[in-house]
């Protein structure tokens, strides 16, 4: 296995390692090269949305993790898809939290109105 020098490019809060950073020779006869690369994206917005939702009483469940394989272009495409997916999920969770908060407010208002009504005693 041949390991080449690792290069990291930092873009904002994202660190991207070029696909060629880890290269190994799987089959000496065919010279097929195999590598692995973990690509991370910034999930702080999603984590903040989850924390806010849970503090309001909303249950948030995690989807199954998806693993992608491919060359440099496919890796970049998958990274962009992940960024969009996390942004969409954060927006969805924020909307659900806002809807839940509004429903709780309406419920509390209705309970307060009901408590103002005269009490009736029903006996059998």
N, C-alpha and C. Protein backbone atom coordinates (compact mmCIF):
# COMPACT_ATOMS: atom_id res chain seq x y z
N UNK A 1 0.84 -1.18 0.00
CA UNK A 1 0.00 0.00 0.00
C UNK A 1 0.88 1.23 0.00
N UNK A 2 0.57 2.15 -0.86
CA UNK A 2 1.34 3.38 -0.96
C UNK A 2 0.49 4.52 -0.41
N UNK A 3 1.03 5.27 0.51
CA UNK A 3 0.32 6.40 1.09
C UNK A 3 1.04 7.66 0.65
N UNK A 4 0.30 8.52 -0.01
CA UNK A 4 0.88 9.78 -0.47
C UNK A 4 0.61 10.87 0.56
N UNK A 5 1.29 11.97 0.40
CA UNK A 5 1.14 13.09 1.33
C UNK A 5 -0.30 13.59 1.33
N UNK A 6 -0.86 13.77 2.51
CA UNK A 6 -2.24 14.24 2.66
C UNK A 6 -2.27 15.75 2.52
N UNK A 7 -3.17 16.22 1.67
CA UNK A 7 -3.36 17.65 1.50
C UNK A 7 -4.79 17.97 1.91
N UNK A 8 -4.95 19.02 2.68
CA UNK A 8 -6.27 19.42 3.13
C UNK A 8 -6.54 20.84 2.67
N UNK A 9 -7.69 21.03 2.06
CA UNK A 9 -8.12 22.35 1.65
C UNK A 9 -9.24 22.77 2.59
N UNK A 10 -9.12 23.91 3.23
CA UNK A 10 -10.15 24.37 4.15
C UNK A 10 -10.99 25.43 3.47
N UNK A 11 -12.30 25.21 3.47
CA UNK A 11 -13.25 26.15 2.90
C UNK A 11 -14.23 26.50 4.01
N UNK A 12 -14.11 27.67 4.59
CA UNK A 12 -14.99 28.03 5.70
C UNK A 12 -14.80 27.04 6.83
N UNK A 13 -15.90 26.38 7.22
CA UNK A 13 -15.83 25.41 8.31
C UNK A 13 -15.64 23.99 7.79
N UNK A 14 -15.51 23.83 6.47
CA UNK A 14 -15.39 22.50 5.89
C UNK A 14 -13.95 22.18 5.55
N UNK A 15 -13.53 20.99 5.86
CA UNK A 15 -12.21 20.52 5.46
C UNK A 15 -12.40 19.42 4.44
N UNK A 16 -11.79 19.54 3.29
CA UNK A 16 -11.94 18.58 2.22
C UNK A 16 -10.58 17.99 1.91
N UNK A 17 -10.48 16.67 1.94
CA UNK A 17 -9.24 15.99 1.62
C UNK A 17 -9.36 15.48 0.19
N UNK A 18 -8.41 15.78 -0.68
CA UNK A 18 -8.48 15.28 -2.04
C UNK A 18 -8.54 13.77 -2.09
N UNK A 19 -9.27 13.24 -3.06
CA UNK A 19 -9.46 11.80 -3.18
C UNK A 19 -8.15 11.06 -3.31
N UNK A 20 -7.16 11.65 -3.92
CA UNK A 20 -5.89 10.97 -4.12
C UNK A 20 -5.01 10.94 -2.88
N UNK A 21 -5.50 11.40 -1.75
CA UNK A 21 -4.68 11.45 -0.55
C UNK A 21 -4.33 10.06 -0.04
N UNK A 22 -5.22 9.11 -0.22
CA UNK A 22 -4.96 7.75 0.23
C UNK A 22 -5.10 6.83 -0.97
N UNK A 23 -4.00 6.30 -1.43
CA UNK A 23 -4.02 5.45 -2.61
C UNK A 23 -3.32 4.14 -2.27
N UNK A 24 -3.95 3.03 -2.60
CA UNK A 24 -3.35 1.73 -2.37
C UNK A 24 -3.45 0.89 -3.61
N UNK A 25 -2.54 -0.03 -3.79
CA UNK A 25 -2.59 -0.93 -4.92
C UNK A 25 -3.22 -2.23 -4.46
N UNK A 26 -4.41 -2.54 -4.98
CA UNK A 26 -5.14 -3.73 -4.56
C UNK A 26 -4.63 -4.97 -5.30
N UNK A 27 -4.45 -4.85 -6.58
CA UNK A 27 -4.01 -5.99 -7.38
C UNK A 27 -2.81 -5.55 -8.22
N UNK A 28 -1.65 -6.11 -7.92
CA UNK A 28 -0.43 -5.70 -8.61
C UNK A 28 -0.52 -5.99 -10.11
N UNK A 29 -1.25 -7.06 -10.48
CA UNK A 29 -1.33 -7.43 -11.88
C UNK A 29 -2.11 -6.40 -12.69
N UNK A 30 -3.18 -5.88 -12.13
CA UNK A 30 -4.06 -4.99 -12.88
C UNK A 30 -3.81 -3.52 -12.57
N UNK A 31 -3.07 -3.25 -11.51
CA UNK A 31 -2.79 -1.88 -11.08
C UNK A 31 -4.05 -1.11 -10.70
N UNK A 32 -5.12 -1.83 -10.28
CA UNK A 32 -6.34 -1.16 -9.80
C UNK A 32 -6.02 -0.43 -8.50
N UNK A 33 -6.46 0.78 -8.39
CA UNK A 33 -6.20 1.55 -7.19
C UNK A 33 -7.49 1.69 -6.40
N UNK A 34 -7.38 1.51 -5.10
CA UNK A 34 -8.53 1.57 -4.21
C UNK A 34 -8.21 2.56 -3.11
N UNK A 35 -9.17 3.35 -2.72
CA UNK A 35 -8.94 4.30 -1.65
C UNK A 35 -10.20 4.53 -0.85
N UNK A 36 -10.06 5.20 0.25
CA UNK A 36 -11.20 5.55 1.09
C UNK A 36 -11.07 6.99 1.52
N UNK A 37 -12.19 7.66 1.64
CA UNK A 37 -12.18 9.06 2.00
C UNK A 37 -13.45 9.36 2.79
N UNK A 38 -13.28 9.91 3.98
CA UNK A 38 -14.41 10.39 4.76
C UNK A 38 -14.55 11.87 4.48
N UNK A 39 -15.73 12.28 4.06
CA UNK A 39 -15.98 13.68 3.77
C UNK A 39 -16.98 14.20 4.79
N UNK A 40 -16.65 15.27 5.45
CA UNK A 40 -17.53 15.85 6.45
C UNK A 40 -18.10 17.16 5.94
N UNK A 41 -19.32 17.44 6.39
CA UNK A 41 -19.94 18.74 6.09
C UNK A 41 -20.38 19.35 7.42
N UNK A 42 -20.55 20.64 7.42
CA UNK A 42 -20.95 21.38 8.61
C UNK A 42 -22.41 21.05 8.95
N UNK A 43 -22.64 20.51 10.13
CA UNK A 43 -23.99 20.13 10.55
C UNK A 43 -24.48 20.97 11.73
N UNK A 44 -23.79 22.06 12.03
CA UNK A 44 -24.17 22.86 13.21
C UNK A 44 -25.60 23.38 13.12
N UNK A 45 -26.03 23.83 11.96
CA UNK A 45 -27.38 24.35 11.80
C UNK A 45 -28.41 23.25 12.09
N UNK A 46 -28.14 22.07 11.58
CA UNK A 46 -29.04 20.94 11.83
C UNK A 46 -29.04 20.57 13.31
N UNK A 47 -27.87 20.51 13.92
CA UNK A 47 -27.78 20.18 15.35
C UNK A 47 -28.51 21.21 16.20
N UNK A 48 -28.38 22.50 15.84
CA UNK A 48 -29.08 23.55 16.57
C UNK A 48 -30.59 23.39 16.44
N UNK A 49 -31.07 23.07 15.23
CA UNK A 49 -32.50 22.87 15.01
C UNK A 49 -33.01 21.68 15.83
N UNK A 50 -32.22 20.61 15.88
CA UNK A 50 -32.61 19.43 16.66
C UNK A 50 -32.67 19.77 18.14
N UNK A 51 -31.67 20.48 18.65
CA UNK A 51 -31.65 20.86 20.06
C UNK A 51 -32.86 21.72 20.42
N UNK A 52 -33.16 22.69 19.56
CA UNK A 52 -34.31 23.57 19.79
C UNK A 52 -35.61 22.77 19.79
N UNK A 53 -35.75 21.87 18.82
CA UNK A 53 -36.97 21.05 18.72
C UNK A 53 -37.14 20.19 19.96
N UNK A 54 -36.07 19.55 20.37
CA UNK A 54 -36.16 18.68 21.55
C UNK A 54 -36.45 19.47 22.82
N UNK A 55 -35.92 20.69 22.92
CA UNK A 55 -36.19 21.51 24.10
C UNK A 55 -37.66 21.95 24.13
N UNK A 56 -38.31 22.01 22.98
CA UNK A 56 -39.73 22.36 22.90
C UNK A 56 -40.63 21.14 23.12
N UNK A 57 -40.03 19.94 23.10
CA UNK A 57 -40.82 18.73 23.30
C UNK A 57 -41.09 17.94 22.03
N UNK A 58 -40.45 18.30 20.94
CA UNK A 58 -40.62 17.59 19.67
C UNK A 58 -39.63 16.43 19.63
N UNK A 59 -40.11 15.24 19.29
CA UNK A 59 -39.23 14.08 19.15
C UNK A 59 -38.62 14.09 17.76
N UNK A 60 -37.31 13.99 17.69
CA UNK A 60 -36.59 13.98 16.42
C UNK A 60 -35.90 12.63 16.28
N UNK A 61 -36.11 11.97 15.14
CA UNK A 61 -35.51 10.67 14.90
C UNK A 61 -34.52 10.77 13.76
N UNK A 62 -33.42 10.04 13.88
CA UNK A 62 -32.36 10.08 12.88
C UNK A 62 -32.65 9.09 11.76
N UNK A 63 -32.45 9.56 10.51
CA UNK A 63 -32.54 8.67 9.35
C UNK A 63 -31.33 7.76 9.33
N UNK A 64 -31.41 6.69 8.57
CA UNK A 64 -30.27 5.81 8.45
C UNK A 64 -29.16 6.52 7.67
N UNK A 65 -27.94 6.24 8.04
CA UNK A 65 -26.79 6.84 7.38
C UNK A 65 -26.61 6.24 6.00
N UNK A 66 -26.35 7.10 5.03
CA UNK A 66 -26.12 6.64 3.66
C UNK A 66 -24.64 6.74 3.35
N UNK A 67 -24.08 5.69 2.77
CA UNK A 67 -22.68 5.68 2.37
C UNK A 67 -22.61 5.79 0.86
N UNK A 68 -21.78 6.67 0.38
CA UNK A 68 -21.62 6.88 -1.06
C UNK A 68 -20.22 6.47 -1.48
N UNK A 69 -20.10 5.99 -2.70
CA UNK A 69 -18.79 5.67 -3.27
C UNK A 69 -18.66 6.35 -4.61
N UNK A 70 -17.44 6.63 -5.01
CA UNK A 70 -17.24 7.23 -6.32
C UNK A 70 -15.90 7.91 -6.43
N UNK A 71 -15.69 8.50 -7.57
CA UNK A 71 -14.45 9.21 -7.83
C UNK A 71 -14.55 10.64 -7.27
N UNK A 72 -13.59 11.48 -7.60
CA UNK A 72 -13.56 12.85 -7.06
C UNK A 72 -14.84 13.63 -7.39
N UNK A 73 -15.27 13.58 -8.65
CA UNK A 73 -16.46 14.33 -9.06
C UNK A 73 -17.70 13.82 -8.35
N UNK A 74 -17.83 12.49 -8.24
CA UNK A 74 -18.98 11.91 -7.56
C UNK A 74 -18.95 12.22 -6.06
N UNK A 75 -17.75 12.27 -5.49
CA UNK A 75 -17.61 12.62 -4.08
C UNK A 75 -18.06 14.05 -3.85
N UNK A 76 -17.65 14.95 -4.71
CA UNK A 76 -18.06 16.36 -4.57
C UNK A 76 -19.56 16.50 -4.75
N UNK A 77 -20.13 15.76 -5.69
CA UNK A 77 -21.58 15.79 -5.90
C UNK A 77 -22.30 15.28 -4.66
N UNK A 78 -21.82 14.19 -4.07
CA UNK A 78 -22.43 13.64 -2.86
C UNK A 78 -22.30 14.61 -1.69
N UNK A 79 -21.17 15.31 -1.61
CA UNK A 79 -20.97 16.29 -0.54
C UNK A 79 -21.97 17.43 -0.69
N UNK A 80 -22.16 17.91 -1.92
CA UNK A 80 -23.15 18.97 -2.15
C UNK A 80 -24.57 18.50 -1.84
N UNK A 81 -24.87 17.23 -2.18
CA UNK A 81 -26.18 16.67 -1.84
C UNK A 81 -26.36 16.61 -0.33
N UNK A 82 -25.31 16.26 0.39
CA UNK A 82 -25.38 16.19 1.85
C UNK A 82 -25.62 17.57 2.45
N UNK A 83 -24.92 18.57 1.93
CA UNK A 83 -25.11 19.94 2.41
C UNK A 83 -26.57 20.37 2.22
N UNK A 84 -27.12 20.11 1.04
CA UNK A 84 -28.51 20.46 0.76
C UNK A 84 -29.46 19.66 1.65
N UNK A 85 -29.19 18.37 1.81
CA UNK A 85 -30.04 17.51 2.64
C UNK A 85 -30.09 18.03 4.07
N UNK A 86 -28.93 18.36 4.64
CA UNK A 86 -28.89 18.87 6.02
C UNK A 86 -29.63 20.21 6.13
N UNK A 87 -29.47 21.08 5.15
CA UNK A 87 -30.17 22.37 5.17
C UNK A 87 -31.68 22.16 5.09
N UNK A 88 -32.11 21.24 4.21
CA UNK A 88 -33.55 20.95 4.07
C UNK A 88 -34.11 20.36 5.36
N UNK A 89 -33.37 19.45 5.97
CA UNK A 89 -33.83 18.82 7.22
C UNK A 89 -33.88 19.85 8.35
N UNK A 90 -32.90 20.74 8.42
CA UNK A 90 -32.91 21.78 9.45
C UNK A 90 -34.13 22.67 9.27
N UNK A 91 -34.45 23.06 8.04
CA UNK A 91 -35.63 23.89 7.76
C UNK A 91 -36.91 23.14 8.13
N UNK A 92 -36.98 21.86 7.80
CA UNK A 92 -38.15 21.05 8.12
C UNK A 92 -38.35 20.94 9.63
N UNK A 93 -37.27 20.72 10.36
CA UNK A 93 -37.35 20.61 11.82
C UNK A 93 -37.75 21.95 12.43
N UNK A 94 -37.19 23.05 11.91
CA UNK A 94 -37.55 24.38 12.43
C UNK A 94 -39.03 24.68 12.19
N UNK A 95 -39.56 24.30 11.03
CA UNK A 95 -40.98 24.51 10.74
C UNK A 95 -41.84 23.67 11.66
N UNK A 96 -41.48 22.42 11.84
CA UNK A 96 -42.25 21.54 12.73
C UNK A 96 -42.24 22.09 14.15
N UNK A 97 -41.09 22.59 14.59
CA UNK A 97 -40.98 23.16 15.93
C UNK A 97 -41.87 24.39 16.06
N UNK A 98 -41.85 25.26 15.06
CA UNK A 98 -42.69 26.47 15.09
C UNK A 98 -44.17 26.10 15.10
N UNK A 99 -44.56 25.11 14.28
CA UNK A 99 -45.95 24.65 14.25
C UNK A 99 -46.36 24.08 15.61
N UNK A 100 -45.47 23.30 16.20
CA UNK A 100 -45.75 22.70 17.51
C UNK A 100 -45.88 23.78 18.58
N UNK A 101 -44.98 24.75 18.55
CA UNK A 101 -45.03 25.86 19.52
C UNK A 101 -46.36 26.61 19.37
N UNK A 102 -46.79 26.87 18.14
CA UNK A 102 -48.05 27.57 17.90
C UNK A 102 -49.24 26.75 18.40
N UNK A 103 -49.21 25.45 18.16
CA UNK A 103 -50.29 24.57 18.62
C UNK A 103 -50.34 24.54 20.15
N UNK A 104 -49.18 24.52 20.79
CA UNK A 104 -49.15 24.56 22.26
C UNK A 104 -49.74 25.87 22.77
N UNK A 105 -49.44 26.97 22.10
CA UNK A 105 -49.98 28.27 22.49
C UNK A 105 -51.50 28.31 22.35
N UNK A 106 -52.01 27.77 21.25
CA UNK A 106 -53.46 27.71 21.05
C UNK A 106 -54.13 26.84 22.10
N UNK A 107 -53.51 25.74 22.42
CA UNK A 107 -54.05 24.84 23.44
C UNK A 107 -54.10 25.55 24.80
N UNK A 108 -53.01 26.24 25.16
CA UNK A 108 -52.96 26.95 26.44
C UNK A 108 -54.03 28.04 26.48
N UNK A 109 -54.23 28.74 25.37
CA UNK A 109 -55.27 29.77 25.31
C UNK A 109 -56.65 29.17 25.48
N UNK A 110 -56.89 28.03 24.85
CA UNK A 110 -58.20 27.37 24.96
C UNK A 110 -58.43 26.88 26.38
N UNK A 111 -57.42 26.35 27.02
CA UNK A 111 -57.55 25.91 28.41
C UNK A 111 -57.88 27.11 29.31
N UNK A 112 -57.20 28.23 29.10
CA UNK A 112 -57.46 29.44 29.90
C UNK A 112 -58.89 29.92 29.69
N UNK A 113 -59.38 29.89 28.45
CA UNK A 113 -60.77 30.29 28.18
C UNK A 113 -61.75 29.35 28.86
N UNK A 114 -61.47 28.06 28.80
CA UNK A 114 -62.36 27.08 29.43
C UNK A 114 -62.41 27.25 30.94
N UNK A 115 -61.32 27.65 31.53
CA UNK A 115 -61.29 27.84 32.97
C UNK A 115 -62.11 29.06 33.40
N UNK A 116 -62.35 30.00 32.50
CA UNK A 116 -63.17 31.17 32.80
C UNK A 116 -64.66 30.85 32.78
N UNK A 117 -65.03 29.77 32.11
CA UNK A 117 -66.44 29.40 32.03
C UNK A 117 -66.95 28.97 33.40
N UNK A 118 -68.26 29.18 33.64
CA UNK A 118 -68.80 28.74 34.93
C UNK A 118 -68.64 27.23 35.09
N UNK A 119 -68.36 26.83 36.31
CA UNK A 119 -68.19 25.40 36.59
C UNK A 119 -69.57 24.78 36.77
N UNK A 120 -69.73 23.62 36.21
CA UNK A 120 -71.00 22.91 36.35
C UNK A 120 -70.75 21.63 37.12
N UNK A 121 -71.62 21.34 37.99
CA UNK A 121 -71.51 20.12 38.77
C UNK A 121 -72.54 19.14 38.22
N UNK A 122 -72.09 18.02 37.82
CA UNK A 122 -72.98 17.00 37.29
C UNK A 122 -72.99 15.84 38.25
N UNK A 123 -74.17 15.47 38.69
CA UNK A 123 -74.29 14.33 39.62
C UNK A 123 -75.19 13.30 38.97
N UNK A 124 -74.99 12.07 39.37
CA UNK A 124 -75.81 10.98 38.83
C UNK A 124 -76.67 10.42 39.89
